[in-house]
Amino acid sequence: MLINNMIGLTRVSGNSMNPTLQNSSIVLLNKIPLFYSQPVYGDVVVIKDSRLDYSIVKRVIAVEGDRIAIRDGVVFVNDNPLPELYTFGKSQDMEEQTIKNNYIFVAGDNRTPGASLDSRDPQIGQIHISAVRGYAAVSLFPMYRIAKPLKL
């Protein structure tokens, strides 16, 4: 029981996290930070939200209090462009919104329109932090580290 609450495994389904994670990758989850911290920019998290029948794996790109917008395919957080070398494709534009308290804004690394179900979709929107089930630590199959973003 202790191990089950500290780590976990999940399989990536689909291409929404390409190029960071591929379809059918098996990812080791770290659940320990759920007990003492909140997600931060750049974390790759597994989310199980009541609006979804399944879990999704996405990257946190904004946290509570941040202002996020997408202009000409570039993500801006607090009026600063994100240095996103880990993404693929070009996102559709999105009006600025402010992230509510205890919420995060997540997106798949594959930003091609329609390739990822994430916070850019008004039906999903911002995600409450209680929906985070763990942090992707490493891909076990195939074995590789998960890319982290550049410092803001």
C-alpha atoms as a PDB file:
ATOM      1  CA  MET A   1       0.000   0.000   0.000  1.00  0.00           C
ATOM      2  CA  LEU A   2       2.843   2.376   0.828  1.00  0.00           C
ATOM      3  CA  ILE A   3       4.583   1.751  -2.514  1.00  0.00           C
ATOM      4  CA  ASN A   4       1.279   2.123  -4.393  1.00  0.00           C
ATOM      5  CA  ASN A   5       0.833   5.612  -2.896  1.00  0.00           C
ATOM      6  CA  MET A   6       4.425   6.672  -3.690  1.00  0.00           C
ATOM      7  CA  ILE A   7       4.954   5.445  -7.265  1.00  0.00           C
ATOM      8  CA  GLY A   8       2.930   4.153 -10.154  1.00  0.00           C
ATOM      9  CA  LEU A   9       3.024   3.243 -13.813  1.00  0.00           C
ATOM     10  CA  THR A  10       0.960   4.551 -16.701  1.00  0.00           C
ATOM     11  CA  ARG A  11       0.895   3.901 -20.427  1.00  0.00           C
ATOM     12  CA  VAL A  12       0.751   6.827 -22.831  1.00  0.00           C
ATOM     13  CA  SER A  13      -2.052   6.476 -25.335  1.00  0.00           C
ATOM     14  CA  GLY A  14      -1.872   8.654 -28.428  1.00  0.00           C
ATOM     15  CA  ASN A  15       0.531  11.229 -29.790  1.00  0.00           C
ATOM     16  CA  SER A  16      -0.442  14.305 -27.766  1.00  0.00           C
ATOM     17  CA  MET A  17       2.896  14.366 -25.913  1.00  0.00           C
ATOM     18  CA  ASN A  18       5.151  13.854 -28.963  1.00  0.00           C
ATOM     19  CA  PRO A  19       8.073  14.389 -29.140  1.00  0.00           C
ATOM     20  CA  THR A  20       8.562  14.037 -25.354  1.00  0.00           C
ATOM     21  CA  LEU A  21       6.542  10.827 -24.936  1.00  0.00           C
ATOM     22  CA  GLN A  22       5.468   8.465 -27.692  1.00  0.00           C
ATOM     23  CA  ASN A  23       2.333   6.385 -28.073  1.00  0.00           C
ATOM     24  CA  SER A  24       2.565   3.238 -25.860  1.00  0.00           C
ATOM     25  CA  SER A  25       5.436   4.588 -23.731  1.00  0.00           C
ATOM     26  CA  ILE A  26       5.336   3.251 -20.175  1.00  0.00           C
ATOM     27  CA  VAL A  27       6.009   6.015 -17.668  1.00  0.00           C
ATOM     28  CA  LEU A  28       7.073   5.781 -14.017  1.00  0.00           C
ATOM     29  CA  LEU A  29       5.036   8.146 -11.827  1.00  0.00           C
ATOM     30  CA  ASN A  30       6.286   9.885  -8.713  1.00  0.00           C
ATOM     31  CA  LYS A  31       3.341  10.490  -6.356  1.00  0.00           C
ATOM     32  CA  ILE A  32       5.330  11.707  -3.341  1.00  0.00           C
ATOM     33  CA  PRO A  33       5.234  15.450  -4.272  1.00  0.00           C
ATOM     34  CA  LEU A  34       1.422  15.302  -4.192  1.00  0.00           C
ATOM     35  CA  PHE A  35       1.666  15.290  -0.383  1.00  0.00           C
ATOM     36  CA  TYR A  36       3.751  18.456   0.036  1.00  0.00           C
ATOM     37  CA  SER A  37       3.769  20.636  -3.106  1.00  0.00           C
ATOM     38  CA  GLN A  38       1.778  21.851  -6.063  1.00  0.00           C
ATOM     39  CA  PRO A  39       2.638  21.406  -9.743  1.00  0.00           C
ATOM     40  CA  VAL A  40       4.991  23.976 -11.262  1.00  0.00           C
ATOM     41  CA  TYR A  41       5.738  25.130 -14.788  1.00  0.00           C
ATOM     42  CA  GLY A  42       7.297  22.339 -16.842  1.00  0.00           C
ATOM     43  CA  ASP A  43       6.072  19.379 -14.780  1.00  0.00           C
ATOM     44  CA  VAL A  44       4.663  16.503 -16.826  1.00  0.00           C
ATOM     45  CA  VAL A  45       1.641  15.276 -14.887  1.00  0.00           C
ATOM     46  CA  VAL A  46      -0.965  12.541 -15.086  1.00  0.00           C
ATOM     47  CA  ILE A  47      -4.481  13.909 -14.644  1.00  0.00           C
ATOM     48  CA  LYS A  48      -7.709  12.102 -13.848  1.00  0.00           C
ATOM     49  CA  ASP A  49     -10.449  14.700 -14.037  1.00  0.00           C
ATOM     50  CA  SER A  50     -14.159  14.033 -13.426  1.00  0.00           C
ATOM     51  CA  ARG A  51     -14.900  15.376 -16.929  1.00  0.00           C
ATOM     52  CA  LEU A  52     -12.817  12.585 -18.480  1.00  0.00           C
ATOM     53  CA  ASP A  53     -13.354   8.821 -18.555  1.00  0.00           C
ATOM     54  CA  TYR A  54      -9.606   8.222 -18.681  1.00  0.00           C
ATOM     55  CA  SER A  55      -6.316   9.717 -17.486  1.00  0.00           C
ATOM     56  CA  ILE A  56      -4.302  12.138 -19.592  1.00  0.00           C
ATOM     57  CA  VAL A  57      -0.588  12.980 -19.557  1.00  0.00           C
ATOM     58  CA  LYS A  58       0.183  16.673 -20.096  1.00  0.00           C
ATOM     59  CA  ARG A  59       2.738  19.379 -19.347  1.00  0.00           C
ATOM     60  CA  VAL A  60       1.984  22.227 -16.914  1.00  0.00           C
ATOM     61  CA  ILE A  61       2.501  25.507 -18.736  1.00  0.00           C
ATOM     62  CA  ALA A  62       0.844  27.923 -16.280  1.00  0.00           C
ATOM     63  CA  VAL A  63      -0.083  27.900 -12.592  1.00  0.00           C
ATOM     64  CA  GLU A  64      -2.457  29.872 -10.381  1.00  0.00           C
ATOM     65  CA  GLY A  65      -2.258  33.611 -10.842  1.00  0.00           C
ATOM     66  CA  ASP A  66      -0.508  33.380 -14.221  1.00  0.00           C
ATOM     67  CA  ARG A  67      -1.939  35.046 -17.308  1.00  0.00           C
ATOM     68  CA  ILE A  68      -1.702  32.837 -20.395  1.00  0.00           C
ATOM     69  CA  ALA A  69      -2.385  33.569 -24.060  1.00  0.00           C
ATOM     70  CA  ILE A  70      -1.379  32.113 -27.410  1.00  0.00           C
ATOM     71  CA  ARG A  71      -0.575  34.541 -30.214  1.00  0.00           C
ATOM     72  CA  ASP A  72       0.731  33.497 -33.634  1.00  0.00           C
ATOM     73  CA  GLY A  73       1.322  30.001 -32.236  1.00  0.00           C
ATOM     74  CA  VAL A  74       3.544  31.255 -29.389  1.00  0.00           C
ATOM     75  CA  VAL A  75       2.521  30.661 -25.770  1.00  0.00           C
ATOM     76  CA  PHE A  76       2.820  33.746 -23.572  1.00  0.00           C
ATOM     77  CA  VAL A  77       2.740  33.497 -19.777  1.00  0.00           C
ATOM     78  CA  ASN A  78       2.574  36.835 -17.970  1.00  0.00           C
ATOM     79  CA  ASP A  79       3.374  38.545 -21.309  1.00  0.00           C
ATOM     80  CA  ASN A  80       6.616  36.542 -21.706  1.00  0.00           C
ATOM     81  CA  PRO A  81       7.007  33.984 -24.510  1.00  0.00           C
ATOM     82  CA  LEU A  82       7.720  30.463 -23.260  1.00  0.00           C
ATOM     83  CA  PRO A  83      10.982  28.954 -24.536  1.00  0.00           C
ATOM     84  CA  GLU A  84       9.458  25.628 -25.598  1.00  0.00           C
ATOM     85  CA  LEU A  85      12.098  23.546 -27.365  1.00  0.00           C
ATOM     86  CA  TYR A  86      10.265  20.308 -26.483  1.00  0.00           C
ATOM     87  CA  THR A  87       7.108  20.968 -28.529  1.00  0.00           C
ATOM     88  CA  PHE A  88       5.963  19.925 -31.976  1.00  0.00           C
ATOM     89  CA  GLY A  89       3.514  21.777 -34.218  1.00  0.00           C
ATOM     90  CA  LYS A  90       1.945  25.205 -33.963  1.00  0.00           C
ATOM     91  CA  SER A  91      -0.938  25.921 -31.611  1.00  0.00           C
ATOM     92  CA  GLN A  92      -4.045  27.887 -32.510  1.00  0.00           C
ATOM     93  CA  ASP A  93      -4.337  31.335 -30.971  1.00  0.00           C
ATOM     94  CA  MET A  94      -6.136  31.721 -27.642  1.00  0.00           C
ATOM     95  CA  GLU A  95      -7.370  34.795 -25.798  1.00  0.00           C
ATOM     96  CA  GLU A  96      -5.642  35.668 -22.531  1.00  0.00           C
ATOM     97  CA  GLN A  97      -7.001  34.118 -19.364  1.00  0.00           C
ATOM     98  CA  THR A  98      -5.901  34.199 -15.738  1.00  0.00           C
ATOM     99  CA  ILE A  99      -5.378  30.889 -13.947  1.00  0.00           C
ATOM    100  CA  LYS A 100      -7.653  30.544 -10.907  1.00  0.00           C
ATOM    101  CA  ASN A 101      -6.429  29.635  -7.406  1.00  0.00           C
ATOM    102  CA  ASN A 102      -5.664  25.907  -7.033  1.00  0.00           C
ATOM    103  CA  TYR A 103      -5.823  25.383 -10.810  1.00  0.00           C
ATOM    104  CA  ILE A 104      -3.228  24.724 -13.511  1.00  0.00           C
ATOM    105  CA  PHE A 105      -3.173  25.067 -17.284  1.00  0.00           C
ATOM    106  CA  VAL A 106      -1.839  22.015 -19.130  1.00  0.00           C
ATOM    107  CA  ALA A 107      -1.034  21.269 -22.764  1.00  0.00           C
ATOM    108  CA  GLY A 108       0.319  18.366 -24.729  1.00  0.00           C
ATOM    109  CA  ASP A 109       3.765  18.847 -26.250  1.00  0.00           C
ATOM    110  CA  ASN A 110       2.232  18.135 -29.667  1.00  0.00           C
ATOM    111  CA  ARG A 111       0.626  21.530 -30.294  1.00  0.00           C
ATOM    112  CA  THR A 112      -0.841  20.635 -33.687  1.00  0.00           C
ATOM    113  CA  PRO A 113      -4.556  21.606 -33.605  1.00  0.00           C
ATOM    114  CA  GLY A 114      -6.665  18.577 -32.676  1.00  0.00           C
ATOM    115  CA  ALA A 115      -3.682  16.449 -31.587  1.00  0.00           C
ATOM    116  CA  SER A 116      -4.103  16.996 -27.838  1.00  0.00           C
ATOM    117  CA  LEU A 117      -7.079  17.209 -25.485  1.00  0.00           C
ATOM    118  CA  ASP A 118      -5.909  19.753 -22.918  1.00  0.00           C
ATOM    119  CA  SER A 119      -6.628  23.108 -21.246  1.00  0.00           C
ATOM    120  CA  ARG A 120      -6.732  24.908 -24.591  1.00  0.00           C
ATOM    121  CA  ASP A 121     -10.044  23.121 -25.242  1.00  0.00           C
ATOM    122  CA  PRO A 122     -12.893  25.091 -23.592  1.00  0.00           C
ATOM    123  CA  GLN A 123     -14.572  21.786 -22.621  1.00  0.00           C
ATOM    124  CA  ILE A 124     -11.530  20.904 -20.485  1.00  0.00           C
ATOM    125  CA  GLY A 125     -10.135  24.298 -19.516  1.00  0.00           C
ATOM    126  CA  GLN A 126      -8.155  24.819 -16.352  1.00  0.00           C
ATOM    127  CA  ILE A 127      -7.494  21.732 -14.224  1.00  0.00           C
ATOM    128  CA  HIS A 128      -7.936  21.660 -10.444  1.00  0.00           C
ATOM    129  CA  ILE A 129      -4.736  20.498  -8.750  1.00  0.00           C
ATOM    130  CA  SER A 130      -6.649  17.739  -6.943  1.00  0.00           C
ATOM    131  CA  ALA A 131      -6.996  16.017 -10.361  1.00  0.00           C
ATOM    132  CA  VAL A 132      -3.204  15.499 -10.563  1.00  0.00           C
ATOM    133  CA  ARG A 133      -2.453  11.823  -9.853  1.00  0.00           C
ATOM    134  CA  GLY A 134       1.322  11.926 -10.198  1.00  0.00           C
ATOM    135  CA  TYR A 135       4.367  13.363 -11.899  1.00  0.00           C
ATOM    136  CA  ALA A 136       5.974  11.607 -14.859  1.00  0.00           C
ATOM    137  CA  ALA A 137       9.522  10.850 -13.725  1.00  0.00           C
ATOM    138  CA  VAL A 138      10.986   8.745 -16.527  1.00  0.00           C
ATOM    139  CA  SER A 139       9.901   6.682 -19.502  1.00  0.00           C
ATOM    140  CA  LEU A 140      10.657   3.047 -18.726  1.00  0.00           C
ATOM    141  CA  PHE A 141       9.809   1.670 -22.151  1.00  0.00           C
ATOM    142  CA  PRO A 142      11.477   2.915 -24.183  1.00  0.00           C
ATOM    143  CA  MET A 143      13.952   4.078 -21.522  1.00  0.00           C
ATOM    144  CA  TYR A 144      14.745   7.815 -21.549  1.00  0.00           C
ATOM    145  CA  ARG A 145      14.502  10.928 -19.417  1.00  0.00           C
ATOM    146  CA  ILE A 146      11.608  13.316 -19.901  1.00  0.00           C
ATOM    147  CA  ALA A 147      12.671  16.695 -21.322  1.00  0.00           C
ATOM    148  CA  LYS A 148      12.365  19.650 -18.969  1.00  0.00           C
ATOM    149  CA  PRO A 149      11.807  23.204 -20.200  1.00  0.00           C
ATOM    150  CA  LEU A 150      14.298  26.021 -20.096  1.00  0.00           C
ATOM    151  CA  LYS A 151      14.205  28.206 -16.990  1.00  0.00           C
ATOM    152  CA  LEU A 152      11.843  31.187 -17.177  1.00  0.00           C
END
